[in-house]
Amino acid sequence: MKNTSITRRVMLAAAVAASALMTAGAAAAEKVKVAAIYTLPVEQQWISRIHKALNTAADRGDIDYTFSENVANTDYERVMREYAEQGAQLIVGEVFGLERAARKVAKDYPDTAFLMGSSFGPVAPNFSVFDNWIHEPSYLTGMVAGAATESNVIGMVGGYAIPEVNRLMHAFMDGARSVNPDVKFIVNFIDSWYDPPKAKESAFAMMDAGADVMYAERFGVSDAAVERGVKAVGNVIDTSGDYPGTIVASALWHMEATIDKAIENVAGGSFEAADYGQYSFMAYGGGSLVMDETLVAPETVTAVKAKEAEILDGLFRVNVNDDRPVSDN
């Protein structure tokens, strides 16, 4: 009787162990295979947010994540096809400048989910798009800048004049004008996503023309601000720790909401062509404002926080303007 009881306990323990192994194996098998393709280094601010969100999902155990960076536009289609052939269930990237090629790949692999940063719309059945719709916190940073300038001249250095950049700049300008109707803007695009020396040179020229607050859409602008002792506003990522005493506010992009929704849909078999842009809105946690309240006047902090609450409550809508912004005469 005693031996029988021991045998039963051993068999039960073995069954539990086997069940645990099967569960672990099933969980591992349920991980979504995700590949990302980036045209720039993952340290670049826009791309870093996508990379961060995917790493967060990988750390949670939701996905198996691999990526390629510094992929030239001429190689992008080839890399997309390679990942699709290797069995990636979800391919993430940005297809500005190669829309036709990317959509052709998606059409050739209808069972693969594609989530791409794009200026255009989704296409059935599997090509979804996203964007960093952080025009809301950009408006709020504009309020900070408009209140901070003493010369009433703000300099703005952008990469390319594409809708994704234009709308953030316009929102920023609208926010600044809302608190300071006398403010003027000097706007320039350096026609590069990553050229800090060129951005810095452009910023210096704006400061020479009277700008005492800089909108740092590109790397290099804040470095110029530090050298000249003027304030700067950040974009996409928080660089205040690198430029203490210079960055008064930043509009931050959080890609987690977008990525998590796409992964959920792929895992559940419900992924379809859609515009994921809404998940970058503040209401979804896709965008946020950060202010250095030691550098911002208390009355400005109060006004900005009140407007932020209105946005989150749906009582204020930031205008979307995709047109190229220009300097004031």
C-alpha atoms as a PDB file:
ATOM      1  CA  MET A   1       0.000   0.000   0.000  1.00  0.00           C
ATOM      2  CA  LYS A   2       2.826   2.341   0.930  1.00  0.00           C
ATOM      3  CA  ASN A   3       4.681   1.584  -2.321  1.00  0.00           C
ATOM      4  CA  THR A   4       1.516   2.200  -4.306  1.00  0.00           C
ATOM      5  CA  SER A   5       1.063   5.604  -2.647  1.00  0.00           C
ATOM      6  CA  ILE A   6       4.665   6.549  -3.402  1.00  0.00           C
ATOM      7  CA  THR A   7       4.265   5.404  -6.977  1.00  0.00           C
ATOM      8  CA  ARG A   8       1.147   7.519  -7.364  1.00  0.00           C
ATOM      9  CA  ARG A   9       2.938  10.571  -5.948  1.00  0.00           C
ATOM     10  CA  VAL A  10       5.851  10.042  -8.322  1.00  0.00           C
ATOM     11  CA  MET A  11       3.508   9.658 -11.274  1.00  0.00           C
ATOM     12  CA  LEU A  12       1.597  12.775 -10.217  1.00  0.00           C
ATOM     13  CA  ALA A  13       4.808  14.795  -9.872  1.00  0.00           C
ATOM     14  CA  ALA A  14       5.937  13.591 -13.273  1.00  0.00           C
ATOM     15  CA  ALA A  15       2.601  14.550 -14.786  1.00  0.00           C
ATOM     16  CA  VAL A  16       2.791  18.025 -13.230  1.00  0.00           C
ATOM     17  CA  ALA A  17       6.338  18.481 -14.510  1.00  0.00           C
ATOM     18  CA  ALA A  18       5.332  17.324 -17.966  1.00  0.00           C
ATOM     19  CA  SER A  19       2.373  19.682 -17.940  1.00  0.00           C
ATOM     20  CA  ALA A  20       4.606  22.570 -16.930  1.00  0.00           C
ATOM     21  CA  LEU A  21       7.020  21.761 -19.742  1.00  0.00           C
ATOM     22  CA  MET A  22       4.174  21.550 -22.230  1.00  0.00           C
ATOM     23  CA  THR A  23       2.802  24.873 -21.005  1.00  0.00           C
ATOM     24  CA  ALA A  24       6.222  26.506 -21.258  1.00  0.00           C
ATOM     25  CA  GLY A  25       6.684  25.068 -24.707  1.00  0.00           C
ATOM     26  CA  ALA A  26       3.279  26.291 -25.803  1.00  0.00           C
ATOM     27  CA  ALA A  27       4.029  29.735 -24.422  1.00  0.00           C
ATOM     28  CA  ALA A  28       7.317  29.810 -26.314  1.00  0.00           C
ATOM     29  CA  ALA A  29       5.569  28.675 -29.469  1.00  0.00           C
ATOM     30  CA  GLU A  30       3.026  31.466 -29.106  1.00  0.00           C
ATOM     31  CA  LYS A  31       5.665  34.172 -29.307  1.00  0.00           C
ATOM     32  CA  VAL A  32       5.133  36.342 -32.352  1.00  0.00           C
ATOM     33  CA  LYS A  33       8.147  36.484 -34.669  1.00  0.00           C
ATOM     34  CA  VAL A  34       8.826  40.160 -35.326  1.00  0.00           C
ATOM     35  CA  ALA A  35      11.433  41.704 -37.608  1.00  0.00           C
ATOM     36  CA  ALA A  36      12.164  45.405 -37.941  1.00  0.00           C
ATOM     37  CA  ILE A  37      13.966  47.243 -40.727  1.00  0.00           C
ATOM     38  CA  TYR A  38      15.484  50.655 -40.074  1.00  0.00           C
ATOM     39  CA  THR A  39      17.176  53.015 -42.539  1.00  0.00           C
ATOM     40  CA  LEU A  40      19.158  54.700 -39.763  1.00  0.00           C
ATOM     41  CA  PRO A  41      20.886  53.609 -36.525  1.00  0.00           C
ATOM     42  CA  VAL A  42      18.580  52.588 -33.698  1.00  0.00           C
ATOM     43  CA  GLU A  43      19.998  55.511 -31.690  1.00  0.00           C
ATOM     44  CA  GLN A  44      18.287  58.013 -34.014  1.00  0.00           C
ATOM     45  CA  GLN A  45      15.412  59.544 -32.084  1.00  0.00           C
ATOM     46  CA  TRP A  46      12.443  58.477 -34.239  1.00  0.00           C
ATOM     47  CA  ILE A  47      13.697  54.950 -34.760  1.00  0.00           C
ATOM     48  CA  SER A  48      14.783  54.595 -31.151  1.00  0.00           C
ATOM     49  CA  ARG A  49      11.165  54.802 -30.016  1.00  0.00           C
ATOM     50  CA  ILE A  50      10.100  51.894 -32.233  1.00  0.00           C
ATOM     51  CA  HIS A  51      13.132  49.875 -31.180  1.00  0.00           C
ATOM     52  CA  LYS A  52      12.435  50.585 -27.514  1.00  0.00           C
ATOM     53  CA  ALA A  53       8.814  49.440 -27.778  1.00  0.00           C
ATOM     54  CA  LEU A  54       9.787  46.221 -29.549  1.00  0.00           C
ATOM     55  CA  ASN A  55      12.497  45.484 -26.983  1.00  0.00           C
ATOM     56  CA  THR A  56       9.939  46.010 -24.225  1.00  0.00           C
ATOM     57  CA  ALA A  57       7.635  43.445 -25.843  1.00  0.00           C
ATOM     58  CA  ALA A  58      10.546  41.045 -26.243  1.00  0.00           C
ATOM     59  CA  ASP A  59      11.537  41.465 -22.594  1.00  0.00           C
ATOM     60  CA  ARG A  60       7.967  40.582 -21.606  1.00  0.00           C
ATOM     61  CA  GLY A  61       8.285  37.381 -23.614  1.00  0.00           C
ATOM     62  CA  ASP A  62       5.594  38.350 -26.126  1.00  0.00           C
ATOM     63  CA  ILE A  63       7.798  38.306 -29.210  1.00  0.00           C
ATOM     64  CA  ASP A  64      11.002  37.054 -30.738  1.00  0.00           C
ATOM     65  CA  TYR A  65      12.596  40.218 -32.093  1.00  0.00           C
ATOM     66  CA  THR A  66      15.271  40.730 -34.701  1.00  0.00           C
ATOM     67  CA  PHE A  67      16.178  43.851 -36.637  1.00  0.00           C
ATOM     68  CA  SER A  68      18.392  45.380 -39.301  1.00  0.00           C
ATOM     69  CA  GLU A  69      19.608  48.973 -39.083  1.00  0.00           C
ATOM     70  CA  ASN A  70      21.262  51.352 -41.560  1.00  0.00           C
ATOM     71  CA  VAL A  71      19.458  49.649 -44.439  1.00  0.00           C
ATOM     72  CA  ALA A  72      19.752  51.708 -47.615  1.00  0.00           C
ATOM     73  CA  ASN A  73      16.569  52.485 -49.531  1.00  0.00           C
ATOM     74  CA  THR A  74      17.946  50.470 -52.435  1.00  0.00           C
ATOM     75  CA  ASP A  75      18.232  47.401 -50.187  1.00  0.00           C
ATOM     76  CA  TYR A  76      14.990  47.829 -48.283  1.00  0.00           C
ATOM     77  CA  GLU A  77      12.784  45.703 -50.555  1.00  0.00           C
ATOM     78  CA  ARG A  78      15.313  42.874 -50.513  1.00  0.00           C
ATOM     79  CA  VAL A  79      15.505  42.874 -46.705  1.00  0.00           C
ATOM     80  CA  MET A  80      11.716  42.906 -46.425  1.00  0.00           C
ATOM     81  CA  ARG A  81      11.493  39.855 -48.658  1.00  0.00           C
ATOM     82  CA  GLU A  82      14.220  38.046 -46.732  1.00  0.00           C
ATOM     83  CA  TYR A  83      12.428  38.501 -43.417  1.00  0.00           C
ATOM     84  CA  ALA A  84       9.134  37.404 -44.955  1.00  0.00           C
ATOM     85  CA  GLU A  85      10.787  34.299 -46.393  1.00  0.00           C
ATOM     86  CA  GLN A  86      12.325  33.539 -42.992  1.00  0.00           C
ATOM     87  CA  GLY A  87       8.854  33.366 -41.453  1.00  0.00           C
ATOM     88  CA  ALA A  88       8.522  36.726 -39.721  1.00  0.00           C
ATOM     89  CA  GLN A  89       4.884  37.101 -38.738  1.00  0.00           C
ATOM     90  CA  LEU A  90       5.111  40.876 -38.295  1.00  0.00           C
ATOM     91  CA  ILE A  91       7.508  43.184 -40.119  1.00  0.00           C
ATOM     92  CA  VAL A  92       7.888  46.719 -38.776  1.00  0.00           C
ATOM     93  CA  GLY A  93       9.669  49.634 -40.393  1.00  0.00           C
ATOM     94  CA  GLU A  94       9.355  52.962 -42.182  1.00  0.00           C
ATOM     95  CA  VAL A  95       8.800  53.268 -45.904  1.00  0.00           C
ATOM     96  CA  PHE A  96       9.041  57.011 -46.547  1.00  0.00           C
ATOM     97  CA  GLY A  97      10.531  57.336 -50.020  1.00  0.00           C
ATOM     98  CA  LEU A  98       9.936  53.691 -51.009  1.00  0.00           C
ATOM     99  CA  GLU A  99       6.191  53.301 -50.674  1.00  0.00           C
ATOM    100  CA  ARG A 100       5.589  51.469 -53.966  1.00  0.00           C
ATOM    101  CA  ALA A 101       8.316  48.884 -53.402  1.00  0.00           C
ATOM    102  CA  ALA A 102       7.190  48.156 -49.842  1.00  0.00           C
ATOM    103  CA  ARG A 103       3.557  47.735 -50.827  1.00  0.00           C
ATOM    104  CA  LYS A 104       4.554  45.398 -53.623  1.00  0.00           C
ATOM    105  CA  VAL A 105       6.358  43.176 -51.110  1.00  0.00           C
ATOM    106  CA  ALA A 106       3.316  43.136 -48.822  1.00  0.00           C
ATOM    107  CA  LYS A 107       1.125  42.104 -51.745  1.00  0.00           C
ATOM    108  CA  ASP A 108       3.494  39.207 -52.507  1.00  0.00           C
ATOM    109  CA  TYR A 109       3.317  37.972 -48.880  1.00  0.00           C
ATOM    110  CA  PRO A 110      -0.369  38.220 -47.908  1.00  0.00           C
ATOM    111  CA  ASP A 111       0.095  35.984 -44.842  1.00  0.00           C
ATOM    112  CA  THR A 112       2.712  38.316 -43.317  1.00  0.00           C
ATOM    113  CA  ALA A 113       1.626  41.356 -41.305  1.00  0.00           C
ATOM    114  CA  PHE A 114       3.320  44.636 -42.170  1.00  0.00           C
ATOM    115  CA  LEU A 115       3.273  47.729 -39.921  1.00  0.00           C
ATOM    116  CA  MET A 116       5.068  50.613 -41.572  1.00  0.00           C
ATOM    117  CA  GLY A 117       5.635  54.271 -40.866  1.00  0.00           C
ATOM    118  CA  SER A 118       4.086  55.923 -43.903  1.00  0.00           C
ATOM    119  CA  SER A 119       2.681  59.173 -45.250  1.00  0.00           C
ATOM    120  CA  PHE A 120      -0.106  57.259 -46.962  1.00  0.00           C
ATOM    121  CA  GLY A 121      -2.906  54.870 -46.058  1.00  0.00           C
ATOM    122  CA  PRO A 122      -3.177  51.134 -45.380  1.00  0.00           C
ATOM    123  CA  VAL A 123      -3.903  48.589 -48.101  1.00  0.00           C
ATOM    124  CA  ALA A 124      -5.755  45.314 -47.658  1.00  0.00           C
ATOM    125  CA  PRO A 125      -5.221  42.696 -46.551  1.00  0.00           C
ATOM    126  CA  ASN A 126      -1.994  43.095 -44.581  1.00  0.00           C
ATOM    127  CA  PHE A 127      -0.289  46.481 -44.991  1.00  0.00           C
ATOM    128  CA  SER A 128      -0.923  48.715 -41.967  1.00  0.00           C
ATOM    129  CA  VAL A 129       0.564  52.128 -41.341  1.00  0.00           C
ATOM    130  CA  PHE A 130       1.495  54.281 -38.345  1.00  0.00           C
ATOM    131  CA  ASP A 131       2.971  57.660 -37.604  1.00  0.00           C
ATOM    132  CA  ASN A 132       4.161  59.653 -34.618  1.00  0.00           C
ATOM    133  CA  TRP A 133       1.074  61.787 -34.158  1.00  0.00           C
ATOM    134  CA  ILE A 134       2.497  63.858 -31.312  1.00  0.00           C
ATOM    135  CA  HIS A 135       0.983  67.121 -32.493  1.00  0.00           C
ATOM    136  CA  GLU A 136      -0.835  67.409 -29.155  1.00  0.00           C
ATOM    137  CA  PRO A 137       2.240  67.568 -26.899  1.00  0.00           C
ATOM    138  CA  SER A 138       3.958  69.618 -29.619  1.00  0.00           C
ATOM    139  CA  TYR A 139       1.266  72.269 -29.174  1.00  0.00           C
ATOM    140  CA  LEU A 140       1.954  72.272 -25.438  1.00  0.00           C
ATOM    141  CA  THR A 141       5.692  72.698 -25.943  1.00  0.00           C
ATOM    142  CA  GLY A 142       4.868  75.612 -28.220  1.00  0.00           C
ATOM    143  CA  MET A 143       3.028  77.254 -25.339  1.00  0.00           C
ATOM    144  CA  VAL A 144       6.167  76.911 -23.229  1.00  0.00           C
ATOM    145  CA  ALA A 145       8.350  78.363 -25.981  1.00  0.00           C
ATOM    146  CA  GLY A 146       5.991  81.244 -26.739  1.00  0.00           C
ATOM    147  CA  ALA A 147       6.007  82.271 -23.113  1.00  0.00           C
ATOM    148  CA  ALA A 148       9.772  81.839 -22.777  1.00  0.00           C
ATOM    149  CA  THR A 149      11.017  83.938 -25.690  1.00  0.00           C
ATOM    150  CA  GLU A 150      12.118  87.471 -24.901  1.00  0.00           C
ATOM    151  CA  SER A 151      13.064  88.444 -28.453  1.00  0.00           C
ATOM    152  CA  ASN A 152       9.768  87.077 -29.823  1.00  0.00           C
ATOM    153  CA  VAL A 153      11.774  85.091 -32.375  1.00  0.00           C
ATOM    154  CA  ILE A 154      11.825  81.291 -32.338  1.00  0.00           C
ATOM    155  CA  GLY A 155      14.048  79.221 -34.605  1.00  0.00           C
ATOM    156  CA  MET A 156      12.877  75.879 -36.018  1.00  0.00           C
ATOM    157  CA  VAL A 157      15.198  73.335 -37.646  1.00  0.00           C
ATOM    158  CA  GLY A 158      13.589  70.314 -39.285  1.00  0.00           C
ATOM    159  CA  GLY A 159      14.782  67.320 -41.276  1.00  0.00           C
ATOM    160  CA  TYR A 160      12.510  67.032 -44.299  1.00  0.00           C
ATOM    161  CA  ALA A 161       9.304  68.963 -44.990  1.00  0.00           C
ATOM    162  CA  ILE A 162       7.078  65.888 -44.979  1.00  0.00           C
ATOM    163  CA  PRO A 163       3.608  65.743 -43.380  1.00  0.00           C
ATOM    164  CA  GLU A 164       4.908  63.890 -40.306  1.00  0.00           C
ATOM    165  CA  VAL A 165       7.290  66.761 -39.520  1.00  0.00           C
ATOM    166  CA  ASN A 166       5.159  69.626 -40.825  1.00  0.00           C
ATOM    167  CA  ARG A 167       2.200  68.876 -38.581  1.00  0.00           C
ATOM    168  CA  LEU A 168       4.368  68.864 -35.464  1.00  0.00           C
ATOM    169  CA  MET A 169       5.929  72.176 -36.388  1.00  0.00           C
ATOM    170  CA  HIS A 170       2.551  73.782 -37.123  1.00  0.00           C
ATOM    171  CA  ALA A 171       1.141  72.516 -33.827  1.00  0.00           C
ATOM    172  CA  PHE A 172       4.154  73.941 -32.011  1.00  0.00           C
ATOM    173  CA  MET A 173       3.704  77.281 -33.768  1.00  0.00           C
ATOM    174  CA  ASP A 174      -0.010  77.357 -32.942  1.00  0.00           C
ATOM    175  CA  GLY A 175       0.766  76.687 -29.286  1.00  0.00           C
ATOM    176  CA  ALA A 176       3.328  79.486 -29.183  1.00  0.00           C
ATOM    177  CA  ARG A 177       0.945  81.960 -30.827  1.00  0.00           C
ATOM    178  CA  SER A 178      -1.819  81.046 -28.388  1.00  0.00           C
ATOM    179  CA  VAL A 179       0.164  82.603 -25.534  1.00  0.00           C
ATOM    180  CA  ASN A 180       2.209  85.126 -27.505  1.00  0.00           C
ATOM    181  CA  PRO A 181       0.565  86.576 -30.636  1.00  0.00           C
ATOM    182  CA  ASP A 182       3.693  88.656 -31.355  1.00  0.00           C
ATOM    183  CA  VAL A 183       6.015  85.685 -31.816  1.00  0.00           C
ATOM    184  CA  LYS A 184       7.740  85.162 -35.179  1.00  0.00           C
ATOM    185  CA  PHE A 185       9.354  82.024 -36.571  1.00  0.00           C
ATOM    186  CA  ILE A 186      12.427  81.277 -38.645  1.00  0.00           C
ATOM    187  CA  VAL A 187      12.028  77.874 -40.311  1.00  0.00           C
ATOM    188  CA  ASN A 188      14.578  75.774 -42.168  1.00  0.00           C
ATOM    189  CA  PHE A 189      14.819  72.151 -43.303  1.00  0.00           C
ATOM    190  CA  ILE A 190      18.241  70.555 -43.643  1.00  0.00           C
ATOM    191  CA  ASP A 191      17.030  67.781 -45.994  1.00  0.00           C
ATOM    192  CA  SER A 192      18.542  65.049 -43.861  1.00  0.00           C
ATOM    193  CA  TRP A 193      17.314  62.856 -41.044  1.00  0.00           C
ATOM    194  CA  TYR A 194      20.710  62.786 -39.388  1.00  0.00           C
ATOM    195  CA  ASP A 195      23.233  65.553 -39.939  1.00  0.00           C
ATOM    196  CA  PRO A 196      23.950  67.207 -36.561  1.00  0.00           C
ATOM    197  CA  PRO A 197      26.661  69.560 -37.917  1.00  0.00           C
ATOM    198  CA  LYS A 198      24.300  70.901 -40.587  1.00  0.00           C
ATOM    199  CA  ALA A 199      21.466  71.299 -38.064  1.00  0.00           C
ATOM    200  CA  LYS A 200      23.817  73.081 -35.686  1.00  0.00           C
ATOM    201  CA  GLU A 201      24.967  75.469 -38.410  1.00  0.00           C
ATOM    202  CA  SER A 202      21.363  76.270 -39.293  1.00  0.00           C
ATOM    203  CA  ALA A 203      20.555  76.922 -35.635  1.00  0.00           C
ATOM    204  CA  PHE A 204      23.485  79.323 -35.278  1.00  0.00           C
ATOM    205  CA  ALA A 205      22.221  81.311 -38.275  1.00  0.00           C
ATOM    206  CA  MET A 206      18.782  81.615 -36.660  1.00  0.00           C
ATOM    207  CA  MET A 207      20.281  82.779 -33.386  1.00  0.00           C
ATOM    208  CA  ASP A 208      22.297  85.383 -35.285  1.00  0.00           C
ATOM    209  CA  ALA A 209      18.936  86.576 -36.661  1.00  0.00           C
ATOM    210  CA  GLY A 210      17.520  86.999 -33.146  1.00  0.00           C
ATOM    211  CA  ALA A 211      16.085  83.609 -32.137  1.00  0.00           C
ATOM    212  CA  ASP A 212      16.378  83.020 -28.397  1.00  0.00           C
ATOM    213  CA  VAL A 213      14.384  79.758 -28.275  1.00  0.00           C
ATOM    214  CA  MET A 214      15.054  76.836 -30.635  1.00  0.00           C
ATOM    215  CA  TYR A 215      12.752  74.027 -31.755  1.00  0.00           C
ATOM    216  CA  ALA A 216      15.107  71.050 -31.972  1.00  0.00           C
ATOM    217  CA  GLU A 217      13.398  68.665 -34.372  1.00  0.00           C
ATOM    218  CA  ARG A 218      16.856  67.333 -35.330  1.00  0.00           C
ATOM    219  CA  PHE A 219      19.984  66.439 -33.395  1.00  0.00           C
ATOM    220  CA  GLY A 220      22.555  69.233 -33.344  1.00  0.00           C
ATOM    221  CA  VAL A 221      20.188  72.094 -32.582  1.00  0.00           C
ATOM    222  CA  SER A 222      20.378  71.677 -28.815  1.00  0.00           C
ATOM    223  CA  ASP A 223      24.174  71.628 -28.990  1.00  0.00           C
ATOM    224  CA  ALA A 224      24.046  75.029 -30.672  1.00  0.00           C
ATOM    225  CA  ALA A 225      21.608  76.261 -28.017  1.00  0.00           C
ATOM    226  CA  VAL A 226      23.996  75.247 -25.244  1.00  0.00           C
ATOM    227  CA  GLU A 227      26.901  77.080 -26.886  1.00  0.00           C
ATOM    228  CA  ARG A 228      24.884  80.280 -27.280  1.00  0.00           C
ATOM    229  CA  GLY A 229      23.071  80.057 -23.944  1.00  0.00           C
ATOM    230  CA  VAL A 230      19.554  79.989 -25.376  1.00  0.00           C
ATOM    231  CA  LYS A 231      16.678  77.623 -24.573  1.00  0.00           C
ATOM    232  CA  ALA A 232      15.536  74.701 -26.707  1.00  0.00           C
ATOM    233  CA  VAL A 233      12.492  72.481 -27.082  1.00  0.00           C
ATOM    234  CA  GLY A 234      12.966  68.771 -27.709  1.00  0.00           C
ATOM    235  CA  ASN A 235      11.099  66.412 -29.995  1.00  0.00           C
ATOM    236  CA  VAL A 236      10.271  62.666 -29.809  1.00  0.00           C
ATOM    237  CA  ILE A 237      12.729  61.820 -27.024  1.00  0.00           C
ATOM    238  CA  ASP A 238      13.694  63.467 -23.734  1.00  0.00           C
ATOM    239  CA  THR A 239      17.234  64.838 -24.030  1.00  0.00           C
ATOM    240  CA  SER A 240      17.030  67.153 -21.015  1.00  0.00           C
ATOM    241  CA  GLY A 241      19.531  64.987 -19.158  1.00  0.00           C
ATOM    242  CA  ASP A 242      22.083  65.599 -21.915  1.00  0.00           C
ATOM    243  CA  TYR A 243      21.408  69.341 -22.003  1.00  0.00           C
ATOM    244  CA  PRO A 244      20.627  70.418 -18.418  1.00  0.00           C
ATOM    245  CA  GLY A 245      19.433  73.974 -18.123  1.00  0.00           C
ATOM    246  CA  THR A 246      18.712  74.173 -21.860  1.00  0.00           C
ATOM    247  CA  ILE A 247      15.725  71.954 -22.717  1.00  0.00           C
ATOM    248  CA  VAL A 248      12.626  73.647 -21.311  1.00  0.00           C
ATOM    249  CA  ALA A 249      10.142  71.069 -22.621  1.00  0.00           C
ATOM    250  CA  SER A 250       9.832  68.126 -25.006  1.00  0.00           C
ATOM    251  CA  ALA A 251       7.039  66.399 -26.887  1.00  0.00           C
ATOM    252  CA  LEU A 252       7.617  62.677 -26.398  1.00  0.00           C
ATOM    253  CA  TRP A 253       6.538  59.793 -28.596  1.00  0.00           C
ATOM    254  CA  HIS A 254       5.739  56.417 -27.020  1.00  0.00           C
ATOM    255  CA  MET A 255       5.437  53.627 -29.591  1.00  0.00           C
ATOM    256  CA  GLU A 256       4.397  50.962 -27.083  1.00  0.00           C
ATOM    257  CA  ALA A 257       0.646  51.405 -27.583  1.00  0.00           C
ATOM    258  CA  THR A 258       0.996  50.994 -31.354  1.00  0.00           C
ATOM    259  CA  ILE A 259       3.326  48.007 -31.174  1.00  0.00           C
ATOM    260  CA  ASP A 260       1.333  46.228 -28.477  1.00  0.00           C
ATOM    261  CA  LYS A 261      -1.891  46.541 -30.458  1.00  0.00           C
ATOM    262  CA  ALA A 262      -0.275  45.135 -33.589  1.00  0.00           C
ATOM    263  CA  ILE A 263       1.254  42.218 -31.680  1.00  0.00           C
ATOM    264  CA  GLU A 264      -2.079  41.487 -30.034  1.00  0.00           C
ATOM    265  CA  ASN A 265      -3.805  41.401 -33.416  1.00  0.00           C
ATOM    266  CA  VAL A 266      -1.176  39.165 -34.993  1.00  0.00           C
ATOM    267  CA  ALA A 267      -1.225  36.757 -32.042  1.00  0.00           C
ATOM    268  CA  GLY A 268      -5.019  36.646 -32.140  1.00  0.00           C
ATOM    269  CA  GLY A 269      -5.200  36.143 -35.874  1.00  0.00           C
ATOM    270  CA  SER A 270      -7.100  39.397 -36.348  1.00  0.00           C
ATOM    271  CA  PHE A 271      -4.439  41.596 -37.963  1.00  0.00           C
ATOM    272  CA  GLU A 272      -5.728  43.482 -40.965  1.00  0.00           C
ATOM    273  CA  ALA A 273      -4.856  46.591 -42.934  1.00  0.00           C
ATOM    274  CA  ALA A 274      -5.487  49.606 -40.690  1.00  0.00           C
ATOM    275  CA  ASP A 275      -4.156  53.017 -39.747  1.00  0.00           C
ATOM    276  CA  TYR A 276      -2.569  52.724 -36.299  1.00  0.00           C
ATOM    277  CA  GLY A 277      -1.901  56.468 -36.094  1.00  0.00           C
ATOM    278  CA  GLN A 278      -4.433  57.037 -33.322  1.00  0.00           C
ATOM    279  CA  TYR A 279      -2.322  55.029 -30.879  1.00  0.00           C
ATOM    280  CA  SER A 280       0.230  57.868 -30.876  1.00  0.00           C
ATOM    281  CA  PHE A 281      -2.375  60.252 -29.461  1.00  0.00           C
ATOM    282  CA  MET A 282      -2.080  61.333 -25.844  1.00  0.00           C
ATOM    283  CA  ALA A 283      -5.347  59.574 -24.939  1.00  0.00           C
ATOM    284  CA  TYR A 284      -3.709  56.221 -25.741  1.00  0.00           C
ATOM    285  CA  GLY A 285      -0.464  57.072 -23.977  1.00  0.00           C
ATOM    286  CA  GLY A 286       1.298  57.383 -27.323  1.00  0.00           C
ATOM    287  CA  GLY A 287       2.365  60.974 -26.731  1.00  0.00           C
ATOM    288  CA  SER A 288       3.236  63.006 -23.667  1.00  0.00           C
ATOM    289  CA  LEU A 289       4.718  66.277 -22.501  1.00  0.00           C
ATOM    290  CA  VAL A 290       7.691  66.727 -20.224  1.00  0.00           C
ATOM    291  CA  MET A 291       8.624  70.129 -18.790  1.00  0.00           C
ATOM    292  CA  ASP A 292      11.551  71.273 -16.711  1.00  0.00           C
ATOM    293  CA  GLU A 293       9.547  73.284 -14.216  1.00  0.00           C
ATOM    294  CA  THR A 294      12.721  74.843 -12.835  1.00  0.00           C
ATOM    295  CA  LEU A 295      13.114  76.632 -16.188  1.00  0.00           C
ATOM    296  CA  VAL A 296       9.458  77.482 -16.837  1.00  0.00           C
ATOM    297  CA  ALA A 297       7.501  80.280 -15.157  1.00  0.00           C
ATOM    298  CA  PRO A 298       4.874  78.970 -12.686  1.00  0.00           C
ATOM    299  CA  GLU A 299       2.010  80.674 -14.522  1.00  0.00           C
ATOM    300  CA  THR A 300       3.110  78.988 -17.760  1.00  0.00           C
ATOM    301  CA  VAL A 301       3.255  75.598 -16.060  1.00  0.00           C
ATOM    302  CA  THR A 302      -0.292  76.129 -14.795  1.00  0.00           C
ATOM    303  CA  ALA A 303      -1.592  77.176 -18.219  1.00  0.00           C
ATOM    304  CA  VAL A 304       0.105  74.284 -20.013  1.00  0.00           C
ATOM    305  CA  LYS A 305      -1.187  71.701 -17.565  1.00  0.00           C
ATOM    306  CA  ALA A 306      -4.694  73.094 -17.894  1.00  0.00           C
ATOM    307  CA  LYS A 307      -4.530  72.794 -21.680  1.00  0.00           C
ATOM    308  CA  GLU A 308      -3.102  69.286 -21.381  1.00  0.00           C
ATOM    309  CA  ALA A 309      -6.115  68.311 -19.242  1.00  0.00           C
ATOM    310  CA  GLU A 310      -8.464  69.753 -21.875  1.00  0.00           C
ATOM    311  CA  ILE A 311      -6.795  67.657 -24.565  1.00  0.00           C
ATOM    312  CA  LEU A 312      -7.054  64.483 -22.503  1.00  0.00           C
ATOM    313  CA  ASP A 313     -10.688  65.236 -21.668  1.00  0.00           C
ATOM    314  CA  GLY A 314     -11.518  65.741 -25.328  1.00  0.00           C
ATOM    315  CA  LEU A 315     -12.346  69.405 -24.773  1.00  0.00           C
ATOM    316  CA  PHE A 316      -9.581  70.782 -27.006  1.00  0.00           C
ATOM    317  CA  ARG A 317      -8.451  69.504 -30.378  1.00  0.00           C
ATOM    318  CA  VAL A 318      -5.072  70.490 -31.793  1.00  0.00           C
ATOM    319  CA  ASN A 319      -5.301  71.458 -35.446  1.00  0.00           C
ATOM    320  CA  VAL A 320      -3.532  69.203 -37.969  1.00  0.00           C
ATOM    321  CA  ASN A 321      -1.756  71.049 -40.777  1.00  0.00           C
ATOM    322  CA  ASP A 322       0.459  68.981 -43.071  1.00  0.00           C
ATOM    323  CA  ASP A 323       1.546  71.913 -45.247  1.00  0.00           C
ATOM    324  CA  ARG A 324       5.167  72.983 -45.275  1.00  0.00           C
ATOM    325  CA  PRO A 325       5.712  75.636 -42.570  1.00  0.00           C
ATOM    326  CA  VAL A 326       7.500  78.793 -43.640  1.00  0.00           C
ATOM    327  CA  SER A 327       9.304  81.617 -41.907  1.00  0.00           C
ATOM    328  CA  ASP A 328       7.442  84.781 -41.002  1.00  0.00           C
ATOM    329  CA  ASN A 329       8.282  87.845 -43.040  1.00  0.00           C
END
